[in-house]
Protein backbone atom coordinates (compact mmCIF):
# COMPACT_ATOMS: atom_id res chain seq x y z
CA MET A 1 -24.08 217.43 257.43
CA LYS A 2 -27.73 218.44 257.16
CA ASN A 3 -26.90 220.80 254.28
CA LYS A 4 -25.09 217.99 252.45
CA ILE A 5 -28.10 215.71 252.87
CA ASN A 6 -30.38 218.44 251.53
CA ILE A 7 -28.09 219.01 248.53
CA PHE A 8 -28.03 215.27 247.83
CA ALA A 9 -31.82 215.04 248.05
CA GLY A 10 -32.18 218.11 245.87
CA PHE A 11 -29.94 216.58 243.23
CA TRP A 12 -32.19 213.53 242.84
CA LYS A 13 -35.29 215.72 242.70
CA LYS A 14 -33.73 217.74 239.89
CA MET A 15 -32.76 214.56 238.10
CA ALA A 16 -36.32 213.26 238.33
CA ASP A 17 -37.62 216.54 236.92
CA PHE A 18 -35.01 216.43 234.13
CA ILE A 19 -35.87 212.86 233.09
CA ILE A 20 -39.62 213.40 233.09
CA GLY A 21 -39.31 216.83 231.44
CA ASN A 22 -37.05 215.63 228.62
CA ARG A 23 -38.54 212.23 227.84
CA PRO A 24 -38.73 212.53 224.02
CA ALA A 25 -35.12 213.73 223.71
CA LEU A 26 -33.79 211.10 226.11
CA ILE A 27 -35.71 208.27 224.40
CA SER A 28 -34.38 209.44 221.03
CA ALA A 29 -30.81 209.54 222.37
CA ILE A 30 -31.09 205.99 223.72
CA ALA A 31 -32.62 204.82 220.43
CA VAL A 32 -29.70 206.28 218.47
CA LEU A 33 -27.11 204.76 220.82
CA THR A 34 -28.90 201.40 220.72
CA ALA A 35 -28.80 201.46 216.91
CA PHE A 36 -25.09 202.30 217.09
CA PHE A 37 -24.31 199.43 219.47
CA THR A 38 -26.44 197.07 217.37
CA TYR A 39 -24.28 197.99 214.38
CA GLN A 40 -21.17 197.25 216.45
CA ILE A 41 -22.46 193.76 217.24
CA PHE A 42 -22.27 192.76 213.56
CA SER A 43 -18.46 193.05 213.69
CA LEU A 44 -18.15 191.10 216.95
CA GLU A 45 -16.05 187.93 216.85
CA LEU A 46 -15.42 184.97 219.10
CA SER A 47 -11.93 184.71 220.57
CA TYR A 48 -10.16 181.60 219.32
CA GLU A 49 -6.86 182.36 221.02
CA LEU A 50 -5.63 180.82 224.25
CA PRO A 51 -6.92 182.90 227.18
CA LYS A 52 -4.22 185.26 228.49
CA ILE A 53 -4.84 184.98 232.20
CA LEU A 54 -1.40 185.87 233.59
CA PRO A 55 -0.37 189.55 233.75
CA GLN A 56 2.05 190.52 230.99
CA SER A 57 4.59 191.53 233.64
CA ASP A 58 4.56 188.04 235.19
CA GLU A 59 7.89 186.21 234.93
CA SER A 60 6.25 182.98 233.74
CA PHE A 61 4.44 184.86 230.98
CA LYS A 62 7.71 186.50 229.88
CA LEU A 63 9.42 183.09 229.76
CA TYR A 64 6.55 181.77 227.64
CA GLN A 65 6.87 184.70 225.21
CA ASP A 66 10.65 184.16 224.97
CA PHE A 67 10.04 180.47 224.27
CA LYS A 68 7.70 181.33 221.39
CA LYS A 69 10.20 183.80 219.92
CA LYS A 70 12.92 181.16 219.96
CA TYR A 71 11.00 178.04 218.97
CA GLY A 72 7.91 179.42 217.24
CA GLU A 73 4.23 179.12 218.08
CA ASP A 74 3.06 176.26 220.23
CA GLY A 75 -0.23 174.38 220.42
CA ASN A 76 -0.81 174.26 216.65
CA VAL A 77 -0.65 170.50 216.10
CA MET A 78 -3.71 168.27 215.84
CA VAL A 79 -3.13 164.55 216.28
CA ILE A 80 -4.98 161.71 214.55
CA ALA A 81 -4.29 158.33 216.13
CA LEU A 82 -5.30 154.74 215.48
CA LYS A 83 -4.42 151.22 216.57
CA SER A 84 -4.36 148.50 213.94
CA ASP A 85 -2.09 145.67 212.80
CA LYS A 86 -3.42 146.13 209.26
CA LEU A 87 -1.98 149.57 208.59
CA TYR A 88 0.93 148.17 206.59
CA ASP A 89 -1.37 146.21 204.28
CA LEU A 90 -1.01 147.73 200.81
CA ASN A 91 -4.59 149.01 200.38
CA THR A 92 -4.82 150.36 203.94
CA PHE A 93 -1.43 152.03 203.81
CA ASN A 94 -2.15 153.63 200.42
CA ASP A 95 -5.37 155.12 201.80
CA TRP A 96 -3.39 156.35 204.83
CA TYR A 97 -0.89 157.89 202.41
CA ASP A 98 -3.72 159.53 200.41
CA LEU A 99 -5.21 160.89 203.63
CA SER A 100 -1.85 162.44 204.53
CA GLN A 101 -1.55 164.09 201.12
CA GLU A 102 -5.17 165.23 201.12
CA LEU A 103 -4.85 166.91 204.52
CA LYS A 104 -1.58 168.56 203.50
CA SER A 105 -3.31 170.15 200.48
CA ILE A 106 -5.96 171.87 202.64
CA PRO A 107 -5.41 175.67 202.84
CA GLY A 108 -4.33 176.53 206.37
CA ILE A 109 -2.40 173.29 206.95
CA LYS A 110 1.38 173.76 207.05
CA ASN A 111 2.53 170.16 207.26
CA VAL A 112 1.44 166.59 207.93
CA LEU A 113 3.69 164.03 209.61
CA SER A 114 3.00 160.29 209.62
CA ASN A 115 4.75 157.05 208.76
CA ALA A 116 3.75 157.80 205.14
CA SER A 117 5.85 160.99 205.10
CA LEU A 118 8.93 160.32 207.24
CA SER A 119 12.49 161.31 206.36
CA GLU A 120 15.91 159.90 207.14
CA VAL A 121 18.73 162.18 208.26
CA LYS A 122 21.94 161.63 206.27
CA ARG A 123 25.28 163.32 206.68
CA ASN A 124 26.49 165.35 203.70
CA ASP A 125 30.25 165.51 204.10
CA SER A 126 30.86 167.57 201.00
CA LEU A 127 28.58 170.40 202.14
CA LYS A 128 29.14 169.73 205.85
CA LYS A 129 25.46 169.56 206.70
CA PHE A 130 22.64 167.08 207.25
CA ASP A 131 20.18 166.22 204.48
CA PHE A 132 16.62 165.05 205.08
CA VAL A 133 15.87 162.26 202.61
CA PRO A 134 12.21 161.13 202.34
CA LEU A 135 11.74 157.42 202.99
CA LEU A 136 8.87 157.33 200.54
CA LYS A 137 9.00 159.37 197.33
CA GLN A 138 5.66 158.20 195.93
CA LYS A 139 2.72 156.00 196.85
CA PRO A 140 3.71 152.32 197.02
CA SER A 141 2.53 150.09 194.17
CA SER A 142 3.28 146.74 195.78
CA GLN A 143 3.18 145.08 199.17
CA ALA A 144 6.94 144.57 198.96
CA GLU A 145 7.47 148.35 198.93
CA VAL A 146 5.31 148.76 202.01
CA ASP A 147 7.15 145.94 203.81
CA SER A 148 10.47 147.56 202.90
CA LEU A 149 9.29 150.89 204.28
CA LYS A 150 8.13 149.23 207.50
CA SER A 151 11.54 147.58 207.93
CA LYS A 152 13.34 150.85 207.25
CA ILE A 153 11.25 152.74 209.82
CA ALA A 154 12.05 150.03 212.37
CA THR A 155 15.78 150.83 211.98
CA LEU A 156 15.16 154.48 212.93
CA PRO A 157 14.57 154.45 216.71
CA PHE A 158 13.89 158.20 216.77
CA TYR A 159 10.38 157.63 215.45
CA GLU A 160 9.45 154.87 217.91
CA GLY A 161 7.21 156.23 220.61
CA PHE A 162 6.78 159.40 218.57
CA VAL A 163 5.10 158.38 215.31
CA TYR A 164 4.38 154.77 216.20
CA ASN A 165 4.36 152.44 219.18
CA GLY A 166 3.69 148.82 218.27
CA ASP A 167 0.36 148.76 216.40
CA ALA A 168 -0.47 152.33 217.46
CA HIS A 169 0.21 155.03 214.85
CA LEU A 170 -0.39 158.74 214.66
CA MET A 171 -0.60 161.51 212.12
CA ALA A 172 0.39 165.02 213.27
CA VAL A 173 -1.32 167.87 211.39
CA THR A 174 0.31 171.29 211.83
CA PHE A 175 -1.96 174.34 211.47
CA ASP A 176 -0.99 177.74 210.16
CA GLN A 177 -1.05 180.04 213.20
CA ALA A 178 -3.19 182.69 211.47
CA LYS A 179 -5.89 180.10 210.74
CA LEU A 180 -5.53 178.60 214.19
CA ASN A 181 -6.54 181.88 215.89
CA SER A 182 -9.53 182.52 213.63
CA LYS A 183 -12.99 181.04 213.21
CA ASP A 184 -11.63 179.09 210.19
CA ARG A 185 -10.09 176.71 212.71
CA ILE A 186 -13.50 175.19 213.40
CA THR A 187 -14.07 174.41 209.72
CA LEU A 188 -10.53 173.07 209.35
CA THR A 189 -10.79 170.81 212.38
CA GLU A 190 -14.19 169.47 211.35
CA ASP A 191 -12.92 168.84 207.81
CA ILE A 192 -9.90 166.91 209.11
CA GLN A 193 -12.11 164.85 211.43
CA LYS A 194 -14.52 164.05 208.61
CA LYS A 195 -11.76 162.87 206.26
CA ALA A 196 -10.09 160.80 208.98
CA GLN A 197 -13.39 159.23 210.01
CA THR A 198 -14.04 158.29 206.39
CA PHE A 199 -10.72 156.45 206.34
CA GLY A 200 -11.55 154.72 209.63
CA GLU A 201 -15.02 153.62 208.49
CA LYS A 202 -13.61 152.22 205.24
CA HIS A 203 -11.09 150.02 207.03
CA ASN A 204 -13.11 149.43 210.22
CA ILE A 205 -10.54 151.24 212.39
CA GLU A 206 -11.47 153.44 215.35
CA MET A 207 -10.00 156.94 214.97
CA HIS A 208 -8.89 159.09 217.88
CA PHE A 209 -8.25 162.84 217.93
CA SER A 210 -6.28 165.11 220.21
CA GLY A 211 -4.00 168.14 220.17
CA MET A 212 -4.63 171.78 221.11
CA PRO A 213 -6.48 172.77 217.89
CA PHE A 214 -8.93 169.92 218.42
CA VAL A 215 -9.36 170.60 222.15
CA ARG A 216 -9.71 174.37 221.70
CA THR A 217 -12.19 173.98 218.84
CA ASN A 218 -14.42 171.65 220.84
CA PHE A 219 -14.09 173.91 223.86
CA MET A 220 -15.04 177.09 221.97
CA SER A 221 -17.92 175.35 220.21
CA LYS A 222 -19.31 174.33 223.59
CA VAL A 223 -18.69 177.81 225.01
CA ARG A 224 -20.54 179.40 222.10
CA SER A 225 -23.57 177.13 222.39
CA GLU A 226 -23.68 177.19 226.19
CA LEU A 227 -23.36 180.99 226.39
CA SER A 228 -26.32 181.32 224.03
CA LEU A 229 -28.27 178.81 226.10
CA PHE A 230 -27.28 180.52 229.35
CA MET A 231 -28.37 183.94 228.09
CA GLY A 232 -31.66 182.56 226.77
CA LEU A 233 -32.43 180.82 230.06
CA ALA A 234 -31.44 183.93 232.02
CA PHE A 235 -33.87 185.99 229.95
CA LEU A 236 -36.69 183.48 230.46
CA VAL A 237 -36.07 183.43 234.22
CA THR A 238 -36.10 187.24 234.17
CA ILE A 239 -39.49 187.30 232.45
CA PHE A 240 -40.82 184.75 234.94
CA ILE A 241 -39.59 186.76 237.95
CA LEU A 242 -41.04 189.98 236.56
CA TYR A 243 -44.39 188.30 236.01
CA LEU A 244 -44.39 186.94 239.56
CA PHE A 245 -43.94 190.49 240.84
CA PHE A 246 -46.37 192.41 238.65
CA LYS A 247 -48.89 189.83 237.32
CA SER A 248 -49.06 191.86 234.12
CA LEU A 249 -47.72 190.80 230.72
CA ARG A 250 -47.73 194.43 229.63
CA VAL A 251 -45.41 195.47 232.45
CA VAL A 252 -43.21 192.43 231.85
CA PHE A 253 -42.90 193.33 228.17
CA TYR A 254 -41.81 196.92 228.82
CA ALA A 255 -39.34 195.90 231.52
CA SER A 256 -37.94 193.16 229.25
CA VAL A 257 -37.41 195.67 226.44
CA VAL A 258 -35.40 197.87 228.81
CA ILE A 259 -33.24 194.93 229.90
CA LEU A 260 -32.77 193.80 226.29
CA ILE A 261 -31.53 197.27 225.34
CA ALA A 262 -29.01 197.12 228.21
CA VAL A 263 -27.80 193.74 226.90
CA VAL A 264 -27.36 195.20 223.39
CA TRP A 265 -25.27 198.02 224.86
CA SER A 266 -23.08 195.61 226.80
CA VAL A 267 -22.39 193.41 223.76
CA GLY A 268 -21.83 196.48 221.59
CA LEU A 269 -19.28 197.79 224.08
CA ILE A 270 -17.25 194.59 223.74
CA SER A 271 -16.98 195.18 220.00
CA LEU A 272 -16.46 198.95 220.37
CA PHE A 273 -13.38 198.40 222.53
CA GLY A 274 -11.99 195.96 219.98
CA TYR A 275 -12.41 192.95 222.25
CA LYS A 276 -13.76 189.53 221.33
CA ILE A 277 -16.21 187.18 222.98
CA SER A 278 -14.16 185.07 225.37
CA ILE A 279 -15.15 182.72 228.16
CA LEU A 280 -15.37 185.75 230.52
CA THR A 281 -16.73 188.54 228.29
CA GLY A 282 -19.38 186.09 227.14
CA LEU A 283 -20.77 186.13 230.68
CA ILE A 284 -21.47 189.87 230.59
CA PRO A 285 -24.89 189.73 228.79
CA PRO A 286 -26.41 187.24 231.29
CA LEU A 287 -24.85 189.30 234.07
CA ILE A 288 -26.53 192.46 232.79
CA ILE A 289 -29.86 190.64 232.59
CA VAL A 290 -29.58 189.71 236.26
CA ILE A 291 -28.48 193.21 237.29
CA GLY A 292 -31.28 194.84 235.30
CA ILE A 293 -34.00 192.96 237.20
CA PRO A 294 -33.80 194.77 240.57
CA ASN A 295 -33.48 198.19 238.90
CA SER A 296 -36.68 197.55 236.95
CA ILE A 297 -38.59 195.93 239.81
CA PHE A 298 -37.80 198.68 242.34
CA LEU A 299 -38.68 201.52 239.95
CA ILE A 300 -41.91 200.01 238.64
CA ASN A 301 -43.07 198.86 242.05
CA LYS A 302 -42.42 202.26 243.64
CA TYR A 303 -44.19 204.02 240.80
CA GLN A 304 -47.27 201.82 241.13
CA GLU A 305 -47.40 202.26 244.88
CA GLU A 306 -47.15 206.05 244.58
CA TYR A 307 -49.77 206.11 241.84
CA LEU A 308 -52.26 204.27 244.05
CA ARG A 309 -51.51 206.79 246.77
CA THR A 310 -51.55 210.03 244.73
CA GLY A 311 -53.49 209.17 241.56
CA ASN A 312 -51.05 211.41 239.64
CA LYS A 313 -48.95 209.52 237.09
CA ILE A 314 -46.25 212.14 236.45
CA GLU A 315 -45.83 212.97 240.12
CA SER A 316 -45.64 209.28 240.99
CA LEU A 317 -42.91 208.71 238.39
CA LYS A 318 -40.90 211.65 239.74
CA ILE A 319 -41.12 210.27 243.28
CA ALA A 320 -40.07 206.81 242.04
CA VAL A 321 -37.00 208.24 240.29
CA GLU A 322 -36.11 210.40 243.29
CA LYS A 323 -36.51 207.68 245.92
CA ILE A 324 -35.32 204.62 244.01
CA GLY A 325 -32.71 206.42 241.91
CA LYS A 326 -30.34 207.10 244.78
CA THR A 327 -30.81 203.63 246.27
CA THR A 328 -30.13 201.77 243.05
CA PHE A 329 -27.29 204.18 242.21
CA LEU A 330 -25.39 203.26 245.35
CA ALA A 331 -26.03 199.54 244.75
CA ASN A 332 -24.86 199.76 241.14
CA VAL A 333 -21.80 201.86 242.01
CA THR A 334 -20.76 199.15 244.47
CA THR A 335 -21.10 196.55 241.71
CA PHE A 336 -19.26 198.86 239.30
CA LEU A 337 -16.29 199.14 241.66
CA GLY A 338 -16.29 195.38 242.24
CA PHE A 339 -15.86 194.73 238.53
CA PHE A 340 -13.59 197.70 237.78
CA VAL A 341 -10.85 196.44 240.11
CA PHE A 342 -10.21 193.69 237.55
CA TYR A 343 -8.91 196.44 235.27
CA PHE A 344 -5.84 196.79 237.48
CA THR A 345 -4.92 193.09 237.65
CA GLY A 346 -2.64 193.27 234.61
CA SER A 347 -4.32 190.20 233.12
CA PRO A 348 -5.64 190.96 229.60
CA LEU A 349 -8.57 188.56 230.07
CA LEU A 350 -9.65 190.06 233.41
CA LEU A 351 -8.96 193.61 232.20
CA GLU A 352 -11.38 193.23 229.28
CA PHE A 353 -14.04 191.64 231.45
CA GLY A 354 -13.71 194.17 234.27
CA LEU A 355 -13.81 197.25 232.05
CA VAL A 356 -16.81 196.23 229.94
CA ALA A 357 -18.75 194.77 232.88
CA ALA A 358 -18.20 197.89 235.01
CA ILE A 359 -19.32 200.30 232.28
CA SER A 360 -22.26 198.06 231.36
CA VAL A 361 -23.48 198.02 234.97
CA MET A 362 -23.74 201.80 235.11
CA ALA A 363 -25.15 201.97 231.59
CA THR A 364 -27.86 199.50 232.66
CA TRP A 365 -28.71 201.69 235.64
CA ALA A 366 -28.91 204.82 233.44
CA ILE A 367 -31.07 203.06 230.84
CA SER A 368 -33.46 201.84 233.53
CA MET A 369 -33.68 205.28 235.16
CA ILE A 370 -34.49 206.93 231.84
CA LEU A 371 -36.63 204.42 229.98
CA ILE A 372 -38.83 203.00 232.73
CA PRO A 373 -40.27 206.38 233.82
CA SER A 374 -40.45 207.53 230.20
CA ILE A 375 -42.27 204.43 228.95
CA PHE A 376 -44.71 204.27 231.84
CA SER A 377 -45.56 207.93 231.46
CA TYR A 378 -47.15 207.11 228.09
CA VAL A 379 -48.82 203.75 228.77
CA ALA A 380 -52.03 202.93 230.62
CA ASP A 381 -52.33 203.60 234.34
CA PRO A 382 -51.45 200.72 236.71
CA LYS A 383 -54.22 198.73 238.35
CA PRO A 384 -54.36 197.84 242.07
CA LYS A 385 -54.14 194.09 241.34
CA HIS A 386 -50.76 194.56 239.66
CA VAL A 387 -49.13 196.29 242.60
CA ARG A 388 -46.83 194.15 244.72
CA HIS A 389 -47.46 194.85 248.41
């Protein structure tokens, strides 16, 4: 047992000697890798698909996939709704008709259904099939045509409670699935809202919006803005904590650079693996910021304490790496294992998060162990007032 302890202690001493002895090469290697991961970030995309939480082997997930194969994609309809007893007035209805046609002409929109584009099902005995005959072949030119259409729709009970219910009416806008799962969905949804709101303002009608494209777009827009805000606040809190410990803006700057590099690596890994920013993977950068704090604090604090004791910068850095390296390694390995177990859940969402988070945790530890001693070996000596006792 004693021999094993000696071997373990010897390993960390050799690592400290290796890091301090090869500082220029190690800094250059990290610089190259950071540039590589920065390049990867430029191809990173937000995930606009529904989160796949269930494992692919789950019976409910298989039933869902079978449903989509049989009936097509789901969740691709945005609904515009209004309540007005003036909709069947000629001018209002014609604008409603124009809105329907305008939305249908937008690239990425497959179809638009409203009371301005309904069809009647008629039996074709000669061909032994059903024909869908449009109730309205062109925009009405008189109030009598609109009244006739209203009466005809009233004789078709299928549409009641589906397209209209009393004075409440809706327009269903079907998205192309390829556009729905891309960033173009945001532009499409905003464009549809803008055009519908213009109609509502013109006729003093309150417009309402729903449907999965609308909900998912608003959700992802909030996720995108809140993740950016969360990461920014996390970084500010990190700087504040570091300053409380070391009372030195210079130390805070160097430690922040190290943490920022770790964040770049974590985001670059998401892109490198071909993943996208989802509600979970988007939490990895703030997570890395939080994990990078103790690594930096322990190393810098130990180095400053040893320097005040020995007065030898290089020797103090070696002791800091040797003593703190093994402690932080065990702490980070525990965190690594905690995240890596998500890889075996079978859930694509958790798999992506667990793999990237686990690798990023150990990468953050390695970056801290290399850069902090390397940087502080070249900068000015610490002062007693900056040392946290």
